[in-house]
């Protein structure tokens, strides 16, 4: 196979691959009302941790507020109102000791 033929074949393969990639739609999750749990008043939800049973905890990044909800009922409400200037970056539940750890990022 000549150099020109190899280049033409490579160009055709790349064009075909590019066509497939560009033609693919991005993956998106489709959620219905029963599959979403609204955190009332939250604007920057960040971090979630499973509690005992069907309980979960979620944090709000820029206010530091913590929400507690129930995945079975699909409800949530504010559990902890953080002091001004706090953040909530991630959460972890220690079920054995009944503790909730919240990573505060730059705010501690």
Protein backbone atom coordinates (compact mmCIF):
# COMPACT_ATOMS: atom_id res chain seq x y z
CA UNK A 1 0.00 0.00 0.00
CA UNK A 2 1.41 3.37 -0.95
CA UNK A 3 1.83 6.28 1.43
CA UNK A 4 -0.97 8.19 -0.33
CA UNK A 5 -3.32 5.21 -0.03
CA UNK A 6 -2.50 4.80 3.69
CA UNK A 7 -3.17 8.48 4.31
CA UNK A 8 -6.45 8.33 2.43
CA UNK A 9 -7.51 5.26 4.41
CA UNK A 10 -6.56 6.94 7.71
CA UNK A 11 -8.46 10.10 6.72
CA UNK A 12 -11.54 8.03 5.88
CA UNK A 13 -11.36 6.22 9.24
CA UNK A 14 -10.98 9.47 11.16
CA UNK A 15 -13.85 11.08 9.24
CA UNK A 16 -16.07 8.08 10.02
CA UNK A 17 -15.15 8.13 13.70
CA UNK A 18 -15.76 11.88 13.89
CA UNK A 19 -19.16 11.47 12.26
CA UNK A 20 -20.15 8.85 14.85
CA UNK A 21 -18.92 10.95 17.79
CA UNK A 22 -20.57 14.16 16.61
CA UNK A 23 -23.81 12.35 15.85
CA UNK A 24 -24.12 11.00 19.37
CA UNK A 25 -26.33 12.92 21.76
CA UNK A 26 -25.01 13.50 25.28
CA UNK A 27 -26.35 11.16 27.92
CA UNK A 28 -29.04 12.77 30.01
CA UNK A 29 -31.00 11.38 32.88
CA UNK A 30 -34.72 11.73 32.54
CA UNK A 31 -36.40 12.42 35.86
CA UNK A 32 -40.07 12.45 36.55
CA UNK A 33 -41.64 14.14 39.57
CA UNK A 34 -41.48 10.92 41.61
CA UNK A 35 -37.73 10.61 40.97
CA UNK A 36 -36.71 14.04 42.24
CA UNK A 37 -36.54 15.22 45.81
CA UNK A 38 -36.62 18.99 46.19
CA UNK A 39 -34.56 20.63 48.90
CA UNK A 40 -36.77 23.62 49.77
CA UNK A 41 -34.82 26.86 49.58
CA UNK A 42 -31.59 25.27 48.36
CA UNK A 43 -29.84 26.80 45.35
CA UNK A 44 -26.46 25.04 45.36
CA UNK A 45 -26.95 21.47 46.57
CA UNK A 46 -23.66 19.63 47.06
CA UNK A 47 -22.98 16.31 48.73
CA UNK A 48 -25.32 13.61 49.89
CA UNK A 49 -25.03 10.85 52.47
CA UNK A 50 -27.27 7.91 53.33
CA UNK A 51 -28.47 7.78 56.91
CA UNK A 52 -30.25 4.93 58.65
CA UNK A 53 -33.24 3.35 56.95
CA UNK A 54 -34.49 5.55 54.15
CA UNK A 55 -33.07 8.80 55.56
CA UNK A 56 -30.58 10.88 53.59
CA UNK A 57 -28.71 14.11 54.26
CA UNK A 58 -27.74 16.75 51.68
CA UNK A 59 -25.70 19.90 52.04
CA UNK A 60 -25.93 23.28 50.36
CA UNK A 61 -22.57 24.44 49.09
CA UNK A 62 -22.73 28.21 49.56
CA UNK A 63 -24.84 28.50 52.72
CA UNK A 64 -23.68 25.40 54.57
CA UNK A 65 -27.26 24.43 55.41
CA UNK A 66 -27.99 20.72 55.83
CA UNK A 67 -31.19 19.06 54.68
CA UNK A 68 -32.64 15.77 55.91
CA UNK A 69 -34.99 13.76 53.75
CA UNK A 70 -36.60 10.41 53.19
CA UNK A 71 -36.11 8.61 49.88
CA UNK A 72 -39.23 6.50 50.45
CA UNK A 73 -41.59 9.46 50.84
CA UNK A 74 -39.61 11.75 48.53
CA UNK A 75 -39.60 14.62 51.02
CA UNK A 76 -36.87 16.80 52.54
CA UNK A 77 -36.62 19.78 54.87
CA UNK A 78 -33.92 21.97 56.35
CA UNK A 79 -32.28 20.10 59.23
CA UNK A 80 -29.48 22.50 60.22
CA UNK A 81 -29.24 26.20 59.48
CA UNK A 82 -25.54 26.99 59.28
CA UNK A 83 -24.05 30.22 60.61
CA UNK A 84 -23.40 32.90 57.95
CA UNK A 85 -20.29 32.36 55.85
CA UNK A 86 -20.24 28.56 56.10
CA UNK A 87 -20.04 26.02 53.28
CA UNK A 88 -21.01 22.36 52.97
CA UNK A 89 -18.88 20.46 50.44
CA UNK A 90 -19.48 16.84 51.34
CA UNK A 91 -21.16 14.69 53.95
CA UNK A 92 -20.58 11.36 55.64
CA UNK A 93 -22.72 9.49 58.15
CA UNK A 94 -21.22 7.40 60.96
CA UNK A 95 -24.23 5.18 61.68
CA UNK A 96 -22.58 3.32 64.54
CA UNK A 97 -22.07 6.53 66.53
CA UNK A 98 -25.03 8.52 65.13
CA UNK A 99 -22.79 11.27 63.76
CA UNK A 100 -22.99 13.39 60.61
CA UNK A 101 -19.72 14.81 59.33
CA UNK A 102 -19.80 17.83 57.02
CA UNK A 103 -16.76 19.05 55.08
CA UNK A 104 -16.74 22.84 55.25
CA UNK A 105 -14.08 23.53 52.63
CA UNK A 106 -12.36 26.84 53.27
CA UNK A 107 -14.73 27.65 56.13
CA UNK A 108 -13.82 24.65 58.28
